[in-house]
Amino acid sequence: MIWRCPIVSTIPDRQAVEGLIAALDMEAAVPMDARAYRFDIVLRGRRSTLFENRMEGN
């Protein structure tokens, strides 16, 4: 559903949007109880996570 978000639609770089999506981590999930997701937030550098208040990068 992230692709239907009006805020996300303002981000021209598809790869930057995909960086906002947490990956499902089945190794950390608890079967029949809970799913786990992995959040990799990069604060600085070429692969830094996009923040809405700093569209130009960090």
N, C-alpha and C. Protein backbone atom coordinates (compact mmCIF):
# COMPACT_ATOMS: atom_id res chain seq x y z
N MET A 1 0.80 -1.21 0.00
CA MET A 1 0.00 0.00 0.00
C MET A 1 0.85 1.27 0.00
N ILE A 2 2.14 1.14 0.25
CA ILE A 2 2.98 2.34 0.29
C ILE A 2 2.96 3.10 -1.04
N TRP A 3 2.76 2.38 -2.13
CA TRP A 3 2.78 3.02 -3.44
C TRP A 3 1.54 3.89 -3.66
N ARG A 4 0.50 3.75 -2.84
CA ARG A 4 -0.70 4.59 -2.94
C ARG A 4 -0.63 5.82 -2.03
N CYS A 5 0.39 5.93 -1.24
CA CYS A 5 0.54 7.04 -0.30
C CYS A 5 0.84 8.34 -1.05
N PRO A 6 0.08 9.41 -0.81
CA PRO A 6 0.34 10.68 -1.51
C PRO A 6 1.68 11.31 -1.14
N ILE A 7 2.16 11.06 0.07
CA ILE A 7 3.47 11.59 0.46
C ILE A 7 4.58 10.83 -0.26
N VAL A 8 4.47 9.52 -0.31
CA VAL A 8 5.48 8.70 -0.99
C VAL A 8 5.50 9.01 -2.48
N SER A 9 4.36 9.33 -3.05
CA SER A 9 4.31 9.61 -4.50
C SER A 9 5.11 10.85 -4.87
N THR A 10 5.50 11.67 -3.90
CA THR A 10 6.32 12.85 -4.19
C THR A 10 7.81 12.51 -4.28
N ILE A 11 8.19 11.29 -3.93
CA ILE A 11 9.60 10.87 -3.99
C ILE A 11 9.86 10.30 -5.37
N PRO A 12 10.70 10.95 -6.17
CA PRO A 12 10.92 10.51 -7.55
C PRO A 12 11.77 9.24 -7.69
N ASP A 13 12.55 8.92 -6.69
CA ASP A 13 13.48 7.79 -6.77
C ASP A 13 12.85 6.53 -6.17
N ARG A 14 12.52 5.55 -7.03
CA ARG A 14 11.89 4.31 -6.57
C ARG A 14 12.77 3.57 -5.56
N GLN A 15 14.06 3.58 -5.77
CA GLN A 15 14.99 2.90 -4.85
C GLN A 15 14.96 3.54 -3.46
N ALA A 16 14.79 4.85 -3.40
CA ALA A 16 14.69 5.54 -2.11
C ALA A 16 13.43 5.12 -1.38
N VAL A 17 12.33 4.95 -2.11
CA VAL A 17 11.08 4.50 -1.49
C VAL A 17 11.24 3.07 -0.98
N GLU A 18 11.85 2.22 -1.75
CA GLU A 18 12.05 0.83 -1.32
C GLU A 18 12.93 0.76 -0.08
N GLY A 19 13.78 1.75 0.13
CA GLY A 19 14.61 1.81 1.33
C GLY A 19 13.80 2.14 2.58
N LEU A 20 12.58 2.63 2.40
CA LEU A 20 11.71 2.95 3.53
C LEU A 20 10.90 1.74 3.99
N ILE A 21 10.91 0.67 3.21
CA ILE A 21 10.10 -0.52 3.50
C ILE A 21 10.93 -1.52 4.28
N ALA A 22 10.43 -1.93 5.44
CA ALA A 22 11.14 -2.92 6.26
C ALA A 22 10.97 -4.31 5.64
N ALA A 23 12.05 -5.06 5.61
CA ALA A 23 12.03 -6.41 5.04
C ALA A 23 11.53 -7.42 6.07
N LEU A 24 10.73 -8.35 5.62
CA LEU A 24 10.26 -9.43 6.48
C LEU A 24 11.45 -10.31 6.86
N ASP A 25 11.62 -10.60 8.14
CA ASP A 25 12.73 -11.40 8.65
C ASP A 25 12.17 -12.68 9.28
N MET A 26 12.02 -13.72 8.48
CA MET A 26 11.41 -14.96 8.96
C MET A 26 12.29 -15.69 9.97
N GLU A 27 13.60 -15.44 9.97
CA GLU A 27 14.49 -16.08 10.95
C GLU A 27 14.23 -15.57 12.36
N ALA A 28 13.77 -14.32 12.48
CA ALA A 28 13.49 -13.75 13.80
C ALA A 28 12.01 -13.87 14.18
N ALA A 29 11.18 -14.34 13.25
CA ALA A 29 9.75 -14.48 13.51
C ALA A 29 9.48 -15.66 14.45
N VAL A 30 8.34 -15.60 15.14
CA VAL A 30 7.91 -16.69 16.02
C VAL A 30 6.75 -17.40 15.30
N PRO A 31 6.94 -18.65 14.88
CA PRO A 31 5.90 -19.36 14.12
C PRO A 31 4.54 -19.34 14.83
N MET A 32 3.49 -19.03 14.07
CA MET A 32 2.11 -18.99 14.55
C MET A 32 1.87 -17.93 15.63
N ASP A 33 2.82 -17.01 15.80
CA ASP A 33 2.66 -16.00 16.84
C ASP A 33 2.97 -14.59 16.34
N ALA A 34 4.16 -14.35 15.82
CA ALA A 34 4.55 -13.00 15.46
C ALA A 34 5.48 -12.97 14.26
N ARG A 35 5.34 -11.95 13.46
CA ARG A 35 6.25 -11.69 12.34
C ARG A 35 7.33 -10.72 12.82
N ALA A 36 8.47 -10.78 12.19
CA ALA A 36 9.55 -9.86 12.53
C ALA A 36 10.00 -9.14 11.25
N TYR A 37 10.38 -7.91 11.41
CA TYR A 37 10.84 -7.11 10.29
C TYR A 37 12.20 -6.52 10.62
N ARG A 38 12.98 -6.29 9.58
CA ARG A 38 14.32 -5.74 9.75
C ARG A 38 14.34 -4.30 9.25
N PHE A 39 14.78 -3.39 10.12
CA PHE A 39 14.89 -1.98 9.78
C PHE A 39 16.37 -1.63 9.72
N ASP A 40 16.85 -1.28 8.55
CA ASP A 40 18.24 -0.85 8.39
C ASP A 40 18.24 0.64 8.07
N ILE A 41 18.47 1.46 9.07
CA ILE A 41 18.47 2.91 8.88
C ILE A 41 19.92 3.37 8.78
N VAL A 42 20.25 4.02 7.66
CA VAL A 42 21.60 4.52 7.42
C VAL A 42 21.55 6.03 7.59
N LEU A 43 22.33 6.56 8.54
CA LEU A 43 22.27 7.98 8.86
C LEU A 43 23.09 8.88 7.95
N ARG A 44 24.20 8.40 7.45
CA ARG A 44 25.07 9.24 6.61
C ARG A 44 25.61 8.42 5.44
N GLY A 45 26.01 9.15 4.40
CA GLY A 45 26.65 8.50 3.27
C GLY A 45 25.73 8.35 2.07
N ARG A 46 26.25 7.72 1.02
CA ARG A 46 25.50 7.57 -0.23
C ARG A 46 24.21 6.79 -0.07
N ARG A 47 24.18 5.84 0.84
CA ARG A 47 23.00 5.00 1.02
C ARG A 47 22.15 5.43 2.21
N SER A 48 22.25 6.70 2.60
CA SER A 48 21.52 7.17 3.77
C SER A 48 20.01 7.08 3.53
N THR A 49 19.28 6.80 4.60
CA THR A 49 17.83 6.69 4.54
C THR A 49 17.22 8.06 4.27
N LEU A 50 16.24 8.09 3.39
CA LEU A 50 15.56 9.33 3.04
C LEU A 50 14.67 9.79 4.20
N PHE A 51 14.79 11.06 4.56
CA PHE A 51 13.93 11.65 5.58
C PHE A 51 13.14 12.77 4.95
N GLU A 52 11.87 12.91 5.34
CA GLU A 52 11.00 13.88 4.69
C GLU A 52 11.46 15.34 4.85
N ASN A 53 12.22 15.63 5.88
CA ASN A 53 12.67 17.00 6.07
C ASN A 53 14.01 17.30 5.40
N ARG A 54 14.62 16.29 4.77
CA ARG A 54 15.91 16.48 4.08
C ARG A 54 15.90 15.70 2.79
N MET A 55 15.09 16.11 1.83
CA MET A 55 14.95 15.41 0.56
C MET A 55 16.26 15.37 -0.23
N GLU A 56 17.14 16.34 0.01
CA GLU A 56 18.39 16.41 -0.75
C GLU A 56 19.44 15.44 -0.23
N GLY A 57 19.19 14.81 0.89
CA GLY A 57 20.14 13.86 1.47
C GLY A 57 20.67 14.36 2.79
N ASN A 58 21.52 13.56 3.39
CA ASN A 58 22.05 13.90 4.72
C ASN A 58 23.47 14.36 4.65
